[in-house]
Structure formats: C-alpha cells, structure tokens
Amino acid sequence: MKNFYYHLSILQSRFASHFASEKSLGTERFALPHEVADLSFEKPHDYGLILGVDQFGRTLQITPTKKPAESGERVESCPKSGREKYGF
C-alpha cells in the first residue's frame, strides 16, 4: 500500500506541474517529487552517492550509468596552425 501512495503522489505531481500557471524561468524552488523519482530507491545500493531521504522515506541516491560514454561527448581542440589535434 505504501508503494501505491508513492506512485499516486508522483502522478499527481506530474499533473500539477503540467497544468501550473507559473511558467517563468526565474522562480527558485525545490525539486518536485516527479523530478527526483529517478533518484529514489526503496533500499540504498552499495555504490553511489546518497543525497538524503524523501518525504516517503525512500533513499535519494545518484548511481553511475552502465553504458560507456558516447563519442559525441568528446571535445576536439585545435591550435590556430591546425597541425595537431587534442582530444579530451
């Protein structure tokens, strides 16, 4: 039943943010429950950075991704002469 209320709250948060009248970029606020749902786990993993606990008692944790970095995330740097290329 506890899991049901969590998913119901996430759904309500998504609807409330979608139909909100405030759309400006300059409003400072805390993250809404549906925005941190991907960071929320019932039991913490053995690895990753623990951020805290949400209102439902679930652990907020950042874990590394399993897939390798894509080649599109590389930065290519060339001096003005253009002879040598440095990849980061």
Protein backbone atom coordinates (compact mmCIF):
# COMPACT_ATOMS: atom_id res chain seq x y z
CA MET A 1 0.00 0.00 0.00
CA LYS A 2 2.92 2.30 0.75
CA ASN A 3 4.19 1.91 -2.84
CA PHE A 4 0.71 2.71 -4.19
CA TYR A 5 0.64 6.08 -2.39
CA TYR A 6 4.12 6.87 -3.70
CA HIS A 7 3.13 6.26 -7.33
CA LEU A 8 -0.13 8.16 -6.83
CA SER A 9 1.81 11.14 -5.46
CA ILE A 10 4.22 11.06 -8.43
CA LEU A 11 1.27 11.04 -10.84
CA GLN A 12 -0.40 13.94 -9.02
CA SER A 13 2.88 15.90 -9.10
CA ARG A 14 3.19 15.42 -12.87
CA PHE A 15 -0.37 16.61 -13.47
CA ALA A 16 0.01 19.59 -11.13
CA SER A 17 3.22 20.77 -12.81
CA HIS A 18 1.76 20.29 -16.30
CA PHE A 19 -1.30 22.41 -15.55
CA ALA A 20 0.54 25.02 -13.43
CA SER A 21 0.00 28.64 -14.38
CA GLU A 22 3.55 29.72 -13.49
CA LYS A 23 5.84 29.19 -16.49
CA SER A 24 8.66 31.72 -15.92
CA LEU A 25 12.29 30.61 -15.70
CA GLY A 26 13.28 32.85 -12.79
CA THR A 27 11.39 31.09 -9.99
CA GLU A 28 13.58 29.35 -7.42
CA ARG A 29 12.05 26.27 -5.87
CA PHE A 30 12.81 22.82 -4.54
CA ALA A 31 12.51 19.85 -6.89
CA LEU A 32 9.05 18.35 -7.26
CA PRO A 33 8.53 14.65 -6.40
CA HIS A 34 8.25 13.55 -10.04
CA GLU A 35 11.55 15.30 -10.86
CA VAL A 36 13.51 13.22 -8.33
CA ALA A 37 11.66 9.94 -8.96
CA ASP A 38 14.62 8.57 -10.97
CA LEU A 39 16.89 9.15 -7.95
CA SER A 40 14.53 7.50 -5.46
CA PHE A 41 15.08 3.89 -4.29
CA GLU A 42 13.36 1.81 -1.60
CA LYS A 43 16.67 0.35 -0.44
CA PRO A 44 20.04 2.09 -0.98
CA HIS A 45 22.56 0.46 -3.29
CA ASP A 46 26.06 -0.50 -2.15
CA TYR A 47 27.55 2.06 -4.52
CA GLY A 48 26.74 5.65 -5.45
CA LEU A 49 26.29 8.93 -3.63
CA ILE A 50 23.46 9.15 -1.11
CA LEU A 51 21.74 12.56 -1.18
CA GLY A 52 19.13 12.06 1.53
CA VAL A 53 15.63 10.76 2.19
CA ASP A 54 12.43 11.98 0.51
CA GLN A 55 9.02 12.53 2.11
CA PHE A 56 8.10 8.85 1.64
CA GLY A 57 11.20 7.53 3.42
CA ARG A 58 12.85 6.43 0.17
CA THR A 59 16.58 6.99 -0.31
CA LEU A 60 17.66 9.59 -2.88
CA GLN A 61 20.87 8.31 -4.46
CA ILE A 62 22.95 9.01 -7.54
CA THR A 63 24.34 5.85 -9.16
CA PRO A 64 26.70 5.57 -12.16
CA THR A 65 25.35 4.56 -15.54
CA LYS A 66 26.20 1.20 -17.08
CA LYS A 67 26.67 2.38 -20.67
CA PRO A 68 30.00 3.86 -21.85
CA ALA A 69 30.32 7.49 -22.89
CA GLU A 70 29.36 8.24 -26.48
CA SER A 71 31.82 9.66 -28.95
CA GLY A 72 29.62 12.74 -29.33
CA GLU A 73 30.59 13.85 -25.84
CA ARG A 74 34.21 14.44 -26.82
CA VAL A 75 35.78 17.87 -27.16
CA GLU A 76 38.17 18.45 -30.03
CA SER A 77 40.67 21.27 -29.68
CA CYS A 78 42.96 22.53 -32.47
CA PRO A 79 45.52 25.32 -32.23
CA LYS A 80 45.42 28.04 -34.92
CA SER A 81 48.01 26.25 -37.01
CA GLY A 82 45.67 23.25 -37.33
CA ARG A 83 48.54 20.75 -37.38
CA GLU A 84 47.84 18.93 -34.11
CA LYS A 85 44.53 17.84 -32.63
CA TYR A 86 43.95 17.38 -28.92
CA GLY A 87 41.01 15.21 -27.82
CA PHE A 88 39.56 15.37 -24.35
